[in-house]
Amino acid sequence: MTANAIEVEGVSKRFRLSTERHSSLKERAVRFGRRRPSEELWALRDVSLDVERGQTVGLLGHNGSGKSTLLKCIGGILQPTEGVIRTAGRLASLLELGAGFHPDLTGRENVYLNASILGMSKRDIDARFDDIVGFAELERFIDQQVKHYSSGMYVRLGFAVATNVDPDVLLVDEVLAVGDEAFQRKCLDRVRQFQQEGRTIVFVTHAADLVRQICDRAAVLDHGDLVAWGPPSEAVRVFREHMLAGHPTDDGDGEDGVADHGHDLRIRSVTIEYPEDGRPFVRNGEPLTIRIAYEALQPVDDAVFVFALHGSDGHIVFGQNTWGLGHGLPALEGPGEVSFSIPSVTLLEGTYPLTVGVHSRHGGSVFDWWEQHDHVDVLNVEGNFAWGVADLTVTADVSGIGTKQRTA
């Protein structure tokens, strides 16, 4: 291998699912030893991709798309039915809750067991043990059997071990979305530290904004097929489109765990109204209106319209929706329009990709989603030399220049 940390060539993975059901223990005993009828399930089909050293890659896809299977194949937990996977350097994996933990062992014993499996010597584990326990915030419980741990404690300890063994490649399955907000921040800080150190990270997630924020590339899987592999924003767009094709995601809740609800409600057009006709930009402090024309083919009584502006890196700069603004919409039927008005744009000069969408009130269904199909152009007013994203009101006091401060 050269500049690649991971090479996946033509990988397919087949599982055999038994179709026979036994109604009693006697029936199971009578049929013991016979070949059981089964059907084939191809979790992956001819997947190929290369991950360069130091890249952070996100894997997106609906439930059963094959993303976790691909991660397990990369980690060596599963062997591909066809194809080849090559990896370079030490791998650390945190692929599922409590994976590798023995329930009857204490947290301390499991740290030593897991770290040794990942290739650390006892001397190295001794040196890092306090850091591992401190990161997991389990000092009071480290000598209890892990079968008494909560799911959050499991995850904290597993992540702490996996990220303290100096891996060249870190594989993580949905762990960044588990635990309280403070622990998630710690996980993201550790990920950013790994990025600065040039380590390779591959993780499964449904948090599209997280992919846009920290990933160099992203892959989208659909029923075992690789349907997108490229820049994060493009991958997220494809991910949204495939959700609209009727595929529920793994967790089934929240903005990034939505399922399609048919095509009952569709966005027909998006219009950006700038302050002056014919002028395709807005200046700091001027108003802006975003109009969304829709058509409800069947009555929909729980719709929420949403818009978001992104920075150049795809990260969401600002987002809002009708429910958050206090509008519980009546049942929608036929054509209509919803508009978002911004009285004063407080962004600095730049081009801001625009996402609009409409989903159910609790996020369980997405009706339509236009991922960064349009953009808003902002220009600074004359004399505004600020830079960045937010246009803040700032004053400076220079009256103290040249005044010598004296102390008693």
Protein backbone atom coordinates (compact mmCIF):
# COMPACT_ATOMS: atom_id res chain seq x y z
CA MET A 1 0.00 0.00 0.00
CA THR A 2 1.13 3.53 -0.69
CA ALA A 3 -0.82 6.58 0.49
CA ASN A 4 -3.89 4.50 1.39
CA ALA A 5 -4.77 3.35 4.88
CA ILE A 6 -7.67 1.21 3.60
CA GLU A 7 -8.26 -0.38 0.21
CA VAL A 8 -11.58 -2.09 -0.52
CA GLU A 9 -11.66 -3.92 -3.86
CA GLY A 10 -14.82 -5.55 -5.21
CA VAL A 11 -16.07 -6.58 -1.78
CA SER A 12 -19.32 -8.51 -1.48
CA LYS A 13 -20.74 -10.14 1.64
CA ARG A 14 -23.40 -12.85 1.62
CA PHE A 15 -25.39 -14.13 4.57
CA ARG A 16 -27.60 -17.21 4.57
CA LEU A 17 -30.89 -16.72 6.39
CA SER A 18 -32.84 -19.73 7.57
CA THR A 19 -36.44 -19.79 6.37
CA GLU A 20 -37.46 -22.77 8.53
CA ARG A 21 -39.48 -22.21 11.67
CA HIS A 22 -40.03 -24.87 14.34
CA SER A 23 -43.26 -24.85 16.31
CA SER A 24 -41.95 -27.14 19.07
CA LEU A 25 -38.82 -28.61 20.62
CA LYS A 26 -39.88 -32.05 19.35
CA GLU A 27 -40.03 -30.81 15.77
CA ARG A 28 -36.59 -29.24 16.16
CA ALA A 29 -35.20 -32.55 17.49
CA VAL A 30 -36.77 -34.62 14.68
CA ARG A 31 -35.24 -32.35 12.03
CA PHE A 32 -31.85 -32.11 13.74
CA GLY A 33 -29.00 -32.74 11.30
CA ARG A 34 -31.06 -32.09 8.18
CA ARG A 35 -30.05 -29.30 5.80
CA ARG A 36 -32.19 -26.32 6.65
CA PRO A 37 -33.84 -24.32 3.88
CA SER A 38 -32.33 -20.87 3.60
CA GLU A 39 -32.23 -17.81 1.40
CA GLU A 40 -29.29 -15.62 0.45
CA LEU A 41 -28.94 -12.04 1.57
CA TRP A 42 -26.20 -9.98 -0.07
CA ALA A 43 -25.36 -7.28 2.48
CA LEU A 44 -22.65 -5.85 0.21
CA ARG A 45 -22.28 -6.04 -3.56
CA ASP A 46 -19.03 -5.23 -5.36
CA VAL A 47 -18.01 -2.30 -3.15
CA SER A 48 -14.72 -0.59 -3.98
CA LEU A 49 -13.17 2.47 -2.35
CA ASP A 50 -9.79 3.72 -1.14
CA VAL A 51 -9.29 5.70 2.07
CA GLU A 52 -6.11 7.72 2.16
CA ARG A 53 -3.99 7.94 5.29
CA GLY A 54 -5.20 10.71 7.56
CA GLN A 55 -8.66 10.98 6.01
CA THR A 56 -11.90 11.00 8.00
CA VAL A 57 -14.67 9.10 6.21
CA GLY A 58 -18.36 8.86 7.09
CA LEU A 59 -20.61 5.95 6.06
CA LEU A 60 -24.28 6.84 5.50
CA GLY A 61 -27.23 4.63 4.57
CA HIS A 62 -30.67 3.39 5.54
CA ASN A 63 -31.37 0.35 7.72
CA GLY A 64 -29.94 -2.74 6.01
CA SER A 65 -27.84 -0.71 3.58
CA GLY A 66 -24.66 -2.58 4.55
CA LYS A 67 -22.69 0.23 6.20
CA SER A 68 -22.09 -1.60 9.49
CA THR A 69 -21.28 -4.79 7.59
CA LEU A 70 -18.67 -2.89 5.58
CA LEU A 71 -17.15 -1.47 8.76
CA LYS A 72 -16.95 -4.97 10.30
CA CYS A 73 -15.29 -6.31 7.15
CA ILE A 74 -12.71 -3.52 7.30
CA GLY A 75 -12.12 -4.32 10.97
CA GLY A 76 -11.64 -8.04 10.25
CA ILE A 77 -14.65 -9.12 12.29
CA LEU A 78 -16.36 -10.40 9.14
CA GLN A 79 -14.67 -11.93 6.12
CA PRO A 80 -15.89 -10.84 2.67
CA THR A 81 -17.53 -13.49 0.51
CA GLU A 82 -15.84 -11.91 -2.49
CA GLY A 83 -13.17 -9.25 -2.91
CA VAL A 84 -10.19 -8.07 -0.91
CA ILE A 85 -9.65 -5.56 1.91
CA ARG A 86 -6.19 -4.23 2.78
CA THR A 87 -5.39 -2.09 5.80
CA ALA A 88 -2.19 -0.47 6.99
CA GLY A 89 -1.19 0.06 10.61
CA ARG A 90 -2.87 -0.71 13.90
CA LEU A 91 -6.70 -0.79 13.86
CA ALA A 92 -8.90 0.04 16.82
CA SER A 93 -12.61 -0.72 16.53
CA LEU A 94 -15.65 0.26 18.51
CA LEU A 95 -18.36 -1.36 16.41
CA GLU A 96 -21.19 -2.08 18.81
CA LEU A 97 -22.20 -1.52 22.40
CA GLY A 98 -20.09 -3.61 24.76
CA ALA A 99 -18.28 -5.45 21.96
CA GLY A 100 -15.34 -7.34 23.44
CA PHE A 101 -16.42 -6.82 27.06
CA HIS A 102 -16.90 -9.83 29.30
CA PRO A 103 -19.90 -9.14 31.54
CA ASP A 104 -18.53 -11.00 34.55
CA LEU A 105 -15.23 -9.12 34.55
CA THR A 106 -14.78 -5.74 36.17
CA GLY A 107 -14.20 -2.55 34.22
CA ARG A 108 -10.52 -2.69 35.20
CA GLU A 109 -10.15 -6.26 33.96
CA ASN A 110 -11.93 -5.45 30.72
CA VAL A 111 -9.64 -2.49 30.07
CA TYR A 112 -6.60 -4.76 30.29
CA LEU A 113 -8.31 -7.48 28.24
CA ASN A 114 -9.45 -5.18 25.44
CA ALA A 115 -6.29 -3.13 25.27
CA SER A 116 -4.16 -6.28 25.08
CA ILE A 117 -6.33 -7.62 22.25
CA LEU A 118 -5.70 -4.32 20.45
CA GLY A 119 -1.95 -4.90 20.77
CA MET A 120 -0.90 -2.96 23.87
CA SER A 121 1.57 -4.39 26.35
CA LYS A 122 0.79 -4.50 30.06
CA ARG A 123 3.38 -1.79 30.66
CA ASP A 124 1.67 0.49 28.14
CA ILE A 125 -1.75 -0.22 29.61
CA ASP A 126 -0.42 0.56 33.11
CA ALA A 127 0.86 3.90 31.83
CA ARG A 128 -2.44 4.83 30.16
CA PHE A 129 -4.87 3.25 32.60
CA ASP A 130 -5.66 6.43 34.55
CA ASP A 131 -6.20 8.39 31.32
CA ILE A 132 -8.59 5.72 30.05
CA VAL A 133 -10.64 5.64 33.25
CA GLY A 134 -10.59 9.43 33.55
CA PHE A 135 -11.83 9.92 30.00
CA ALA A 136 -14.64 7.43 30.62
CA GLU A 137 -15.46 9.15 33.95
CA LEU A 138 -15.73 5.77 35.66
CA GLU A 139 -13.34 6.13 38.58
CA ARG A 140 -16.04 5.10 41.10
CA PHE A 141 -17.20 2.09 39.10
CA ILE A 142 -14.05 0.72 37.49
CA ASP A 143 -13.88 -2.26 39.89
CA GLN A 144 -17.52 -3.27 39.39
CA GLN A 145 -18.57 -6.00 36.97
CA VAL A 146 -19.52 -4.40 33.65
CA LYS A 147 -22.78 -6.36 33.55
CA HIS A 148 -23.98 -3.77 36.05
CA TYR A 149 -22.98 -0.86 33.81
CA SER A 150 -25.49 1.31 32.00
CA SER A 151 -25.33 1.57 28.21
CA GLY A 152 -23.69 4.98 28.55
CA MET A 153 -20.98 3.57 30.83
CA TYR A 154 -20.33 0.77 28.32
CA VAL A 155 -19.86 3.25 25.50
CA ARG A 156 -17.65 5.62 27.49
CA LEU A 157 -15.31 2.82 28.54
CA GLY A 158 -15.19 1.26 25.07
CA PHE A 159 -14.43 4.56 23.37
CA ALA A 160 -11.80 5.44 25.96
CA VAL A 161 -9.97 2.15 25.39
CA ALA A 162 -10.22 2.29 21.59
CA THR A 163 -8.83 5.82 21.40
CA ASN A 164 -5.99 5.29 23.88
CA VAL A 165 -4.19 2.47 22.07
CA ASP A 166 -2.57 4.84 19.53
CA PRO A 167 -4.43 3.42 16.52
CA ASP A 168 -3.44 4.31 12.99
CA VAL A 169 -7.02 3.58 11.91
CA LEU A 170 -10.08 4.08 14.14
CA LEU A 171 -13.38 2.41 13.20
CA VAL A 172 -16.49 3.63 15.02
CA ASP A 173 -20.12 2.55 14.58
CA GLU A 174 -22.70 5.12 15.77
CA VAL A 175 -20.92 5.75 19.07
CA LEU A 176 -20.55 9.48 18.46
CA ALA A 177 -24.35 9.78 18.79
CA VAL A 178 -24.53 7.93 22.13
CA GLY A 179 -24.18 9.37 25.59
CA ASP A 180 -24.88 12.80 27.01
CA GLU A 181 -23.93 16.06 25.34
CA ALA A 182 -20.78 16.55 27.41
CA PHE A 183 -19.44 13.11 26.47
CA GLN A 184 -20.25 13.67 22.79
CA ARG A 185 -18.19 16.86 22.92
CA LYS A 186 -15.31 14.90 24.45
CA CYS A 187 -15.57 12.32 21.67
CA LEU A 188 -15.52 14.99 18.99
CA ASP A 189 -12.53 16.68 20.63
CA ARG A 190 -10.70 13.35 20.59
CA VAL A 191 -11.63 12.84 16.92
CA ARG A 192 -10.26 16.29 16.03
CA GLN A 193 -7.08 15.49 17.95
CA PHE A 194 -6.72 12.32 15.89
CA GLN A 195 -7.24 14.32 12.71
CA GLN A 196 -4.48 16.73 13.69
CA GLU A 197 -2.20 13.77 14.36
CA GLY A 198 -2.86 12.40 10.86
CA ARG A 199 -4.79 9.29 11.90
CA THR A 200 -7.45 7.66 9.73
CA ILE A 201 -11.05 7.54 10.95
CA VAL A 202 -14.03 5.70 9.47
CA PHE A 203 -17.39 5.95 11.22
CA VAL A 204 -21.05 5.06 10.67
CA THR A 205 -23.53 7.80 11.48
CA HIS A 206 -26.90 9.31 10.63
CA ALA A 207 -25.82 12.82 11.61
CA ALA A 208 -25.52 14.41 8.19
CA ASP A 209 -24.29 17.70 9.64
CA LEU A 210 -21.54 15.85 11.51
CA VAL A 211 -20.41 14.30 8.22
CA ARG A 212 -20.29 17.73 6.58
CA GLN A 213 -18.45 19.14 9.59
CA ILE A 214 -15.60 16.71 10.14
CA CYS A 215 -15.33 14.35 7.13
CA ASP A 216 -13.01 14.59 4.15
CA ARG A 217 -15.08 12.09 2.16
CA ALA A 218 -18.27 10.11 2.66
CA ALA A 219 -19.86 6.97 1.24
CA VAL A 220 -23.57 6.21 0.83
CA LEU A 221 -24.74 2.59 0.71
CA ASP A 222 -28.15 1.41 -0.48
CA HIS A 223 -29.11 -2.28 -0.18
CA GLY A 224 -25.44 -3.24 -0.28
CA ASP A 225 -24.56 -1.08 -3.29
CA LEU A 226 -22.17 1.87 -3.10
CA VAL A 227 -24.27 4.68 -4.61
CA ALA A 228 -22.06 7.67 -3.70
CA TRP A 229 -18.41 8.17 -2.79
CA GLY A 230 -17.04 11.67 -2.71
CA PRO A 231 -17.22 15.08 -0.99
CA PRO A 232 -19.42 15.14 2.13
CA SER A 233 -22.00 17.61 0.78
CA GLU A 234 -22.57 15.55 -2.36
CA ALA A 235 -22.84 12.33 -0.32
CA VAL A 236 -25.37 13.91 2.04
CA ARG A 237 -27.45 15.03 -0.95
CA VAL A 238 -27.53 11.47 -2.33
CA PHE A 239 -28.33 10.13 1.14
CA ARG A 240 -31.37 12.42 1.37
CA GLU A 241 -32.53 11.43 -2.11
CA HIS A 242 -32.36 7.74 -1.26
CA MET A 243 -34.31 8.30 1.95
CA LEU A 244 -37.01 9.88 -0.19
CA ALA A 245 -37.09 6.70 -2.26
CA GLY A 246 -38.72 5.05 0.73
CA HIS A 247 -35.94 3.67 2.92
CA PRO A 248 -36.18 4.09 6.72
CA THR A 249 -32.91 4.62 8.55
CA ASP A 250 -31.61 2.59 11.50
CA ASP A 251 -32.85 4.61 14.42
CA GLY A 252 -36.05 5.98 12.90
CA ASP A 253 -36.09 9.26 14.77
CA GLY A 254 -34.74 12.76 14.47
CA GLU A 255 -33.78 14.74 11.39
CA ASP A 256 -31.17 12.22 10.30
CA GLY A 257 -33.18 9.13 11.16
CA VAL A 258 -36.23 9.83 9.06
CA ALA A 259 -38.27 7.54 6.88
CA ASP A 260 -40.14 8.41 3.73
CA HIS A 261 -43.87 8.93 4.06
CA GLY A 262 -44.64 8.37 0.41
CA HIS A 263 -44.84 11.36 -1.86
CA ASP A 264 -47.84 12.93 -0.18
CA LEU A 265 -46.17 16.35 0.01
CA ARG A 266 -43.63 17.68 -2.48
CA ILE A 267 -41.65 20.89 -2.81
CA ARG A 268 -42.30 22.39 -6.23
CA SER A 269 -39.96 25.39 -6.21
CA VAL A 270 -37.76 27.58 -4.03
CA THR A 271 -37.49 31.33 -4.61
CA ILE A 272 -34.98 33.63 -2.92
CA GLU A 273 -36.21 37.23 -2.81
CA TYR A 274 -33.42 39.78 -2.53
CA PRO A 275 -34.10 43.41 -1.49
CA GLU A 276 -34.11 44.71 -5.08
CA ASP A 277 -35.44 43.10 -8.24
CA GLY A 278 -32.68 41.94 -10.54
CA ARG A 279 -30.02 42.17 -7.83
CA PRO A 280 -28.85 38.61 -6.98
CA PHE A 281 -27.33 39.34 -3.57
CA VAL A 282 -28.10 40.79 -0.18
CA ARG A 283 -25.89 43.11 1.87
CA ASN A 284 -25.32 42.95 5.61
CA GLY A 285 -28.33 44.25 7.49
CA GLU A 286 -30.76 43.98 4.56
CA PRO A 287 -33.86 41.74 4.54
CA LEU A 288 -34.20 38.43 2.74
CA THR A 289 -37.17 36.14 2.05
CA ILE A 290 -37.13 32.44 1.15
CA ARG A 291 -40.35 31.19 -0.46
CA ILE A 292 -41.16 27.47 -0.69
CA ALA A 293 -43.95 26.43 -3.04
CA TYR A 294 -45.41 22.99 -2.29
CA GLU A 295 -48.18 20.63 -3.34
CA ALA A 296 -49.91 18.16 -1.03
CA LEU A 297 -51.22 15.28 -3.11
CA GLN A 298 -53.02 13.90 -0.07
CA PRO A 299 -53.98 15.65 3.19
CA VAL A 300 -50.97 16.00 5.51
CA ASP A 301 -51.69 17.19 9.05
CA ASP A 302 -48.24 17.17 10.70
CA ALA A 303 -45.93 18.99 8.27
CA VAL A 304 -42.97 21.09 9.36
CA PHE A 305 -41.04 23.20 6.83
CA VAL A 306 -37.35 23.79 7.44
CA PHE A 307 -34.49 25.76 5.92
CA ALA A 308 -30.77 25.89 6.64
CA LEU A 309 -27.84 27.98 5.42
CA HIS A 310 -24.44 26.28 5.15
CA GLY A 311 -20.90 27.57 5.21
CA SER A 312 -18.36 26.81 2.51
CA ASP A 313 -17.39 23.61 4.33
CA GLY A 314 -20.99 22.36 4.37
CA HIS A 315 -21.44 22.99 8.10
CA ILE A 316 -24.81 24.51 9.01
CA VAL A 317 -24.45 28.19 9.86
CA PHE A 318 -28.11 28.68 10.77
CA GLY A 319 -31.31 26.66 10.57
CA GLN A 320 -34.94 27.14 11.58
CA ASN A 321 -38.35 25.59 10.98
CA THR A 322 -42.03 26.49 11.18
CA TRP A 323 -42.60 24.48 14.36
CA GLY A 324 -39.67 26.19 16.11
CA LEU A 325 -41.16 29.55 15.12
CA GLY A 326 -44.44 28.67 16.81
CA HIS A 327 -46.48 27.65 13.76
CA GLY A 328 -48.41 24.41 14.14
CA LEU A 329 -49.60 24.09 10.55
CA PRO A 330 -53.16 23.04 9.69
CA ALA A 331 -53.74 20.06 7.42
CA LEU A 332 -52.19 20.75 4.02
CA GLU A 333 -54.00 19.80 0.83
CA GLY A 334 -53.28 20.91 -2.72
CA PRO A 335 -50.82 23.69 -3.65
CA GLY A 336 -49.57 26.36 -1.28
CA GLU A 337 -46.56 28.39 -0.15
CA VAL A 338 -44.56 28.88 3.02
CA SER A 339 -42.06 31.71 3.39
CA PHE A 340 -39.28 32.46 5.84
CA SER A 341 -38.47 36.16 6.26
CA ILE A 342 -35.17 37.41 7.67
CA PRO A 343 -35.52 41.12 8.58
CA SER A 344 -31.77 41.71 8.78
CA VAL A 345 -29.11 39.38 7.39
CA THR A 346 -26.28 39.22 9.92
CA LEU A 347 -23.87 37.21 7.80
CA LEU A 348 -20.62 38.42 6.28
CA GLU A 349 -19.66 38.28 2.63
CA GLY A 350 -19.82 34.84 1.09
CA THR A 351 -21.92 32.26 -0.74
CA TYR A 352 -24.14 30.21 1.57
CA PRO A 353 -25.69 26.99 0.17
CA LEU A 354 -29.37 26.67 1.05
CA THR A 355 -31.18 23.50 2.11
CA VAL A 356 -34.98 23.37 2.38
CA GLY A 357 -37.18 20.47 3.38
CA VAL A 358 -40.45 19.33 4.89
CA HIS A 359 -40.85 16.52 7.41
CA SER A 360 -43.33 15.31 9.99
CA ARG A 361 -43.63 17.12 13.29
CA HIS A 362 -41.53 14.64 15.27
CA GLY A 363 -39.06 13.96 12.47
CA GLY A 364 -40.20 10.40 11.88
CA SER A 365 -41.00 10.97 8.20
CA VAL A 366 -39.49 13.16 5.51
CA PHE A 367 -41.78 14.25 2.70
CA ASP A 368 -39.28 16.13 0.55
CA TRP A 369 -35.76 17.46 0.95
CA TRP A 370 -33.68 19.73 -1.29
CA GLU A 371 -30.10 19.48 -0.02
CA GLN A 372 -28.11 22.59 -0.99
CA HIS A 373 -29.92 22.99 -4.33
CA ASP A 374 -29.82 26.81 -4.09
CA HIS A 375 -27.57 29.39 -2.46
CA VAL A 376 -27.71 32.87 -0.92
CA ASP A 377 -25.07 35.44 -1.90
CA VAL A 378 -24.06 38.02 0.70
CA LEU A 379 -21.89 41.10 0.06
CA ASN A 380 -20.47 43.39 2.72
CA VAL A 381 -21.71 46.96 2.79
CA GLU A 382 -19.11 49.52 1.82
CA GLY A 383 -16.69 50.09 4.67
CA ASN A 384 -17.34 46.74 6.36
CA PHE A 385 -13.92 45.10 6.53
CA ALA A 386 -14.85 42.29 8.92
CA TRP A 387 -14.24 38.68 7.97
CA GLY A 388 -15.64 35.31 8.98
CA VAL A 389 -19.31 34.30 8.98
CA ALA A 390 -21.28 36.28 11.58
CA ASP A 391 -21.69 40.04 11.27
CA LEU A 392 -21.50 41.17 14.87
CA THR A 393 -21.90 44.73 16.14
CA VAL A 394 -18.51 45.71 17.59
CA THR A 395 -17.06 48.92 19.00
CA ALA A 396 -13.50 49.67 20.03
CA ASP A 397 -12.30 52.11 22.68
CA VAL A 398 -8.88 53.58 21.83
CA SER A 399 -8.95 56.44 24.30
CA GLY A 400 -6.43 54.66 26.52
CA ILE A 401 -3.68 54.53 23.89
CA GLY A 402 -0.64 56.43 25.10
CA THR A 403 -1.97 56.68 28.64
CA LYS A 404 0.51 55.24 31.13
CA GLN A 405 -1.14 53.13 33.76
CA ARG A 406 0.17 53.61 37.27
CA THR A 407 -0.36 51.55 40.35
CA ALA A 408 -0.15 52.77 43.92
